[in-house]
Amino acid sequence: MTLLTDSKIRSPKPLEKSYKLTDSQGLYLTISTSGAKLWYFRYRFGGKENRLAFDAYPLA
């Protein structure tokens, strides 16, 4: 099982394209080209994949 720890979340730097840091349960963090880090949760309901957006990291 992959876990997103605080040190794993703080260390990535922005790149030319946005990318994701994922865990093994559907939670992921998107790192944008500007360096913004946003939480999302991917899940399935009724056979359809959905995505739930949360807040930015870190919370102020």
PDB file of N, CA and C in Angstrom:
ATOM      1  N   MET A   1       0.845  -1.171   0.000  1.00  0.00           N
ATOM      2  CA  MET A   1       0.000   0.000   0.000  1.00  0.00           C
ATOM      3  C   MET A   1       0.896   1.243   0.000  1.00  0.00           C
ATOM      4  N   THR A   2       0.587   2.186  -0.857  1.00  0.00           N
ATOM      5  CA  THR A   2       1.315   3.442  -0.942  1.00  0.00           C
ATOM      6  C   THR A   2       0.586   4.506  -0.129  1.00  0.00           C
ATOM      7  N   LEU A   3       1.332   5.213   0.709  1.00  0.00           N
ATOM      8  CA  LEU A   3       0.755   6.283   1.509  1.00  0.00           C
ATOM      9  C   LEU A   3       1.357   7.620   1.111  1.00  0.00           C
ATOM     10  N   LEU A   4       0.544   8.645   1.139  1.00  0.00           N
ATOM     11  CA  LEU A   4       1.025  10.001   0.891  1.00  0.00           C
ATOM     12  C   LEU A   4       1.368  10.636   2.236  1.00  0.00           C
ATOM     13  N   THR A   5       2.637  10.639   2.572  1.00  0.00           N
ATOM     14  CA  THR A   5       3.077  11.242   3.825  1.00  0.00           C
ATOM     15  C   THR A   5       3.369  12.723   3.606  1.00  0.00           C
ATOM     16  N   ASP A   6       3.477  13.449   4.700  1.00  0.00           N
ATOM     17  CA  ASP A   6       3.744  14.879   4.618  1.00  0.00           C
ATOM     18  C   ASP A   6       5.045  15.163   3.876  1.00  0.00           C
ATOM     19  N   SER A   7       6.085  14.387   4.143  1.00  0.00           N
ATOM     20  CA  SER A   7       7.370  14.619   3.464  1.00  0.00           C
ATOM     21  C   SER A   7       7.288  14.321   1.968  1.00  0.00           C
ATOM     22  N   LYS A   8       6.498  13.311   1.571  1.00  0.00           N
ATOM     23  CA  LYS A   8       6.317  13.011   0.144  1.00  0.00           C
ATOM     24  C   LYS A   8       5.533  14.112  -0.564  1.00  0.00           C
ATOM     25  N   ILE A   9       4.634  14.756   0.168  1.00  0.00           N
ATOM     26  CA  ILE A   9       3.793  15.800  -0.419  1.00  0.00           C
ATOM     27  C   ILE A   9       4.539  17.121  -0.535  1.00  0.00           C
ATOM     28  N   ARG A  10       5.373  17.436   0.428  1.00  0.00           N
ATOM     29  CA  ARG A  10       6.107  18.712   0.429  1.00  0.00           C
ATOM     30  C   ARG A  10       7.261  18.746  -0.573  1.00  0.00           C
ATOM     31  N   SER A  11       7.861  17.607  -0.878  1.00  0.00           N
ATOM     32  CA  SER A  11       9.089  17.582  -1.676  1.00  0.00           C
ATOM     33  C   SER A  11       8.930  17.824  -3.182  1.00  0.00           C
ATOM     34  N   PRO A  12       7.841  17.432  -3.858  1.00  0.00           N
ATOM     35  CA  PRO A  12       7.763  17.621  -5.311  1.00  0.00           C
ATOM     36  C   PRO A  12       7.762  19.085  -5.728  1.00  0.00           C
ATOM     37  N   LYS A  13       8.439  19.358  -6.812  1.00  0.00           N
ATOM     38  CA  LYS A  13       8.517  20.711  -7.378  1.00  0.00           C
ATOM     39  C   LYS A  13       7.653  20.784  -8.635  1.00  0.00           C
ATOM     40  N   PRO A  14       7.183  21.981  -8.997  1.00  0.00           N
ATOM     41  CA  PRO A  14       6.404  22.130 -10.232  1.00  0.00           C
ATOM     42  C   PRO A  14       7.253  21.794 -11.451  1.00  0.00           C
ATOM     43  N   LEU A  15       6.612  21.196 -12.442  1.00  0.00           N
ATOM     44  CA  LEU A  15       7.264  20.866 -13.707  1.00  0.00           C
ATOM     45  C   LEU A  15       6.561  21.614 -14.834  1.00  0.00           C
ATOM     46  N   GLU A  16       6.971  21.356 -16.066  1.00  0.00           N
ATOM     47  CA  GLU A  16       6.351  22.017 -17.220  1.00  0.00           C
ATOM     48  C   GLU A  16       4.909  21.578 -17.430  1.00  0.00           C
ATOM     49  N   LYS A  17       4.562  20.354 -16.968  1.00  0.00           N
ATOM     50  CA  LYS A  17       3.197  19.846 -17.068  1.00  0.00           C
ATOM     51  C   LYS A  17       2.719  19.455 -15.679  1.00  0.00           C
ATOM     52  N   SER A  18       1.418  19.546 -15.446  1.00  0.00           N
ATOM     53  CA  SER A  18       0.839  19.104 -14.179  1.00  0.00           C
ATOM     54  C   SER A  18       0.998  17.595 -14.047  1.00  0.00           C
ATOM     55  N   TYR A  19       1.099  17.120 -12.802  1.00  0.00           N
ATOM     56  CA  TYR A  19       1.214  15.685 -12.559  1.00  0.00           C
ATOM     57  C   TYR A  19       0.565  15.327 -11.237  1.00  0.00           C
ATOM     58  N   LYS A  20       0.434  13.999 -10.975  1.00  0.00           N
ATOM     59  CA  LYS A  20      -0.262  13.502  -9.794  1.00  0.00           C
ATOM     60  C   LYS A  20       0.679  12.706  -8.898  1.00  0.00           C
ATOM     61  N   LEU A  21       0.431  12.801  -7.596  1.00  0.00           N
ATOM     62  CA  LEU A  21       0.997  11.889  -6.601  1.00  0.00           C
ATOM     63  C   LEU A  21      -0.191  11.085  -6.094  1.00  0.00           C
ATOM     64  N   THR A  22      -0.130   9.768  -6.178  1.00  0.00           N
ATOM     65  CA  THR A  22      -1.279   8.938  -5.837  1.00  0.00           C
ATOM     66  C   THR A  22      -0.981   8.009  -4.672  1.00  0.00           C
ATOM     67  N   ASP A  23      -2.055   7.612  -3.975  1.00  0.00           N
ATOM     68  CA  ASP A  23      -1.953   6.521  -3.016  1.00  0.00           C
ATOM     69  C   ASP A  23      -2.644   5.317  -3.644  1.00  0.00           C
ATOM     70  N   SER A  24      -2.818   4.252  -2.903  1.00  0.00           N
ATOM     71  CA  SER A  24      -3.395   3.036  -3.474  1.00  0.00           C
ATOM     72  C   SER A  24      -4.908   2.930  -3.265  1.00  0.00           C
ATOM     73  N   GLN A  25      -5.534   3.950  -2.701  1.00  0.00           N
ATOM     74  CA  GLN A  25      -6.961   3.894  -2.389  1.00  0.00           C
ATOM     75  C   GLN A  25      -7.805   4.916  -3.144  1.00  0.00           C
ATOM     76  N   GLY A  26      -7.240   5.624  -4.114  1.00  0.00           N
ATOM     77  CA  GLY A  26      -8.008   6.589  -4.903  1.00  0.00           C
ATOM     78  C   GLY A  26      -7.730   8.041  -4.581  1.00  0.00           C
ATOM     79  N   LEU A  27      -7.033   8.309  -3.491  1.00  0.00           N
ATOM     80  CA  LEU A  27      -6.692   9.683  -3.128  1.00  0.00           C
ATOM     81  C   LEU A  27      -5.472  10.119  -3.928  1.00  0.00           C
ATOM     82  N   TYR A  28      -5.502  11.330  -4.455  1.00  0.00           N
ATOM     83  CA  TYR A  28      -4.321  11.841  -5.150  1.00  0.00           C
ATOM     84  C   TYR A  28      -4.213  13.349  -5.019  1.00  0.00           C
ATOM     85  N   LEU A  29      -3.012  13.820  -5.219  1.00  0.00           N
ATOM     86  CA  LEU A  29      -2.678  15.233  -5.133  1.00  0.00           C
ATOM     87  C   LEU A  29      -2.168  15.656  -6.500  1.00  0.00           C
ATOM     88  N   THR A  30      -2.754  16.700  -7.063  1.00  0.00           N
ATOM     89  CA  THR A  30      -2.302  17.223  -8.349  1.00  0.00           C
ATOM     90  C   THR A  30      -1.380  18.402  -8.095  1.00  0.00           C
ATOM     91  N   ILE A  31      -0.190  18.357  -8.691  1.00  0.00           N
ATOM     92  CA  ILE A  31       0.763  19.464  -8.596  1.00  0.00           C
ATOM     93  C   ILE A  31       0.728  20.188  -9.935  1.00  0.00           C
ATOM     94  N   SER A  32       0.302  21.446  -9.926  1.00  0.00           N
ATOM     95  CA  SER A  32       0.167  22.221 -11.164  1.00  0.00           C
ATOM     96  C   SER A  32       1.506  22.847 -11.548  1.00  0.00           C
ATOM     97  N   THR A  33       1.548  23.433 -12.714  1.00  0.00           N
ATOM     98  CA  THR A  33       2.764  24.088 -13.199  1.00  0.00           C
ATOM     99  C   THR A  33       3.121  25.305 -12.355  1.00  0.00           C
ATOM    100  N   SER A  34       2.136  25.886 -11.666  1.00  0.00           N
ATOM    101  CA  SER A  34       2.395  27.039 -10.797  1.00  0.00           C
ATOM    102  C   SER A  34       2.843  26.610  -9.405  1.00  0.00           C
ATOM    103  N   GLY A  35       2.752  25.308  -9.106  1.00  0.00           N
ATOM    104  CA  GLY A  35       3.143  24.794  -7.802  1.00  0.00           C
ATOM    105  C   GLY A  35       1.974  24.566  -6.862  1.00  0.00           C
ATOM    106  N   ALA A  36       0.751  24.886  -7.295  1.00  0.00           N
ATOM    107  CA  ALA A  36      -0.431  24.654  -6.459  1.00  0.00           C
ATOM    108  C   ALA A  36      -0.656  23.154  -6.307  1.00  0.00           C
ATOM    109  N   LYS A  37      -1.044  22.736  -5.104  1.00  0.00           N
ATOM    110  CA  LYS A  37      -1.288  21.325  -4.803  1.00  0.00           C
ATOM    111  C   LYS A  37      -2.734  21.167  -4.373  1.00  0.00           C
ATOM    112  N   LEU A  38      -3.501  20.381  -5.137  1.00  0.00           N
ATOM    113  CA  LEU A  38      -4.928  20.211  -4.884  1.00  0.00           C
ATOM    114  C   LEU A  38      -5.258  18.741  -4.680  1.00  0.00           C
ATOM    115  N   TRP A  39      -6.129  18.463  -3.683  1.00  0.00           N
ATOM    116  CA  TRP A  39      -6.544  17.103  -3.351  1.00  0.00           C
ATOM    117  C   TRP A  39      -7.747  16.666  -4.170  1.00  0.00           C
ATOM    118  N   TYR A  40      -7.745  15.392  -4.593  1.00  0.00           N
ATOM    119  CA  TYR A  40      -8.876  14.774  -5.275  1.00  0.00           C
ATOM    120  C   TYR A  40      -9.018  13.344  -4.787  1.00  0.00           C
ATOM    121  N   PHE A  41     -10.235  12.808  -4.901  1.00  0.00           N
ATOM    122  CA  PHE A  41     -10.497  11.412  -4.586  1.00  0.00           C
ATOM    123  C   PHE A  41     -11.266  10.809  -5.755  1.00  0.00           C
ATOM    124  N   ARG A  42     -10.734   9.743  -6.316  1.00  0.00           N
ATOM    125  CA  ARG A  42     -11.361   9.054  -7.443  1.00  0.00           C
ATOM    126  C   ARG A  42     -12.091   7.821  -6.912  1.00  0.00           C
ATOM    127  N   TYR A  43     -13.353   7.648  -7.331  1.00  0.00           N
ATOM    128  CA  TYR A  43     -14.155   6.523  -6.862  1.00  0.00           C
ATOM    129  C   TYR A  43     -15.118   6.069  -7.961  1.00  0.00           C
ATOM    130  N   ARG A  44     -15.703   4.900  -7.760  1.00  0.00           N
ATOM    131  CA  ARG A  44     -16.692   4.365  -8.688  1.00  0.00           C
ATOM    132  C   ARG A  44     -18.027   4.248  -7.968  1.00  0.00           C
ATOM    133  N   PHE A  45     -19.096   4.622  -8.674  1.00  0.00           N
ATOM    134  CA  PHE A  45     -20.447   4.483  -8.152  1.00  0.00           C
ATOM    135  C   PHE A  45     -21.346   4.095  -9.308  1.00  0.00           C
ATOM    136  N   GLY A  46     -22.028   2.989  -9.158  1.00  0.00           N
ATOM    137  CA  GLY A  46     -22.906   2.508 -10.228  1.00  0.00           C
ATOM    138  C   GLY A  46     -22.142   2.190 -11.503  1.00  0.00           C
ATOM    139  N   GLY A  47     -20.903   1.739 -11.369  1.00  0.00           N
ATOM    140  CA  GLY A  47     -20.093   1.386 -12.528  1.00  0.00           C
ATOM    141  C   GLY A  47     -19.471   2.570 -13.246  1.00  0.00           C
ATOM    142  N   LYS A  48     -19.706   3.780 -12.750  1.00  0.00           N
ATOM    143  CA  LYS A  48     -19.177   4.980 -13.383  1.00  0.00           C
ATOM    144  C   LYS A  48     -18.097   5.608 -12.498  1.00  0.00           C
ATOM    145  N   GLU A  49     -16.989   5.990 -13.106  1.00  0.00           N
ATOM    146  CA  GLU A  49     -15.920   6.629 -12.346  1.00  0.00           C
ATOM    147  C   GLU A  49     -16.236   8.098 -12.118  1.00  0.00           C
ATOM    148  N   ASN A  50     -16.007   8.551 -10.885  1.00  0.00           N
ATOM    149  CA  ASN A  50     -16.249   9.939 -10.501  1.00  0.00           C
ATOM    150  C   ASN A  50     -15.031  10.485  -9.781  1.00  0.00           C
ATOM    151  N   ARG A  51     -15.008  11.787  -9.616  1.00  0.00           N
ATOM    152  CA  ARG A  51     -13.910  12.448  -8.920  1.00  0.00           C
ATOM    153  C   ARG A  51     -14.491  13.490  -7.982  1.00  0.00           C
ATOM    154  N   LEU A  52     -13.996  13.481  -6.748  1.00  0.00           N
ATOM    155  CA  LEU A  52     -14.421  14.431  -5.735  1.00  0.00           C
ATOM    156  C   LEU A  52     -13.248  15.347  -5.427  1.00  0.00           C
ATOM    157  N   ALA A  53     -13.460  16.655  -5.518  1.00  0.00           N
ATOM    158  CA  ALA A  53     -12.398  17.625  -5.270  1.00  0.00           C
ATOM    159  C   ALA A  53     -12.456  18.097  -3.821  1.00  0.00           C
ATOM    160  N   PHE A  54     -11.267  18.228  -3.222  1.00  0.00           N
ATOM    161  CA  PHE A  54     -11.153  18.745  -1.864  1.00  0.00           C
ATOM    162  C   PHE A  54     -10.425  20.074  -1.920  1.00  0.00           C
ATOM    163  N   ASP A  55      -9.798  20.452  -0.847  1.00  0.00           N
ATOM    164  CA  ASP A  55      -9.135  21.740  -0.725  1.00  0.00           C
ATOM    165  C   ASP A  55      -7.674  21.661  -1.163  1.00  0.00           C
ATOM    166  N   ALA A  56      -7.015  22.790  -1.121  1.00  0.00           N
ATOM    167  CA  ALA A  56      -5.594  22.867  -1.472  1.00  0.00           C
ATOM    168  C   ALA A  56      -4.722  22.365  -0.324  1.00  0.00           C
ATOM    169  N   TYR A  57      -3.475  22.074  -0.627  1.00  0.00           N
ATOM    170  CA  TYR A  57      -2.493  21.670   0.386  1.00  0.00           C
ATOM    171  C   TYR A  57      -1.401  22.724   0.402  1.00  0.00           C
ATOM    172  N   PRO A  58      -0.951  23.158   1.511  1.00  0.00           N
ATOM    173  CA  PRO A  58      -1.500  22.975   2.865  1.00  0.00           C
ATOM    174  C   PRO A  58      -2.637  23.948   3.104  1.00  0.00           C
ATOM    175  N   LEU A  59      -3.470  23.612   4.065  1.00  0.00           N
ATOM    176  CA  LEU A  59      -4.551  24.526   4.441  1.00  0.00           C
ATOM    177  C   LEU A  59      -3.970  25.689   5.193  1.00  0.00           C
ATOM    178  N   ALA A  60      -4.485  26.859   4.945  1.00  0.00           N
ATOM    179  CA  ALA A  60      -3.969  28.081   5.603  1.00  0.00           C
ATOM    180  C   ALA A  60      -4.426  28.172   7.029  1.00  0.00           C
TER     181      ALA A  60
END
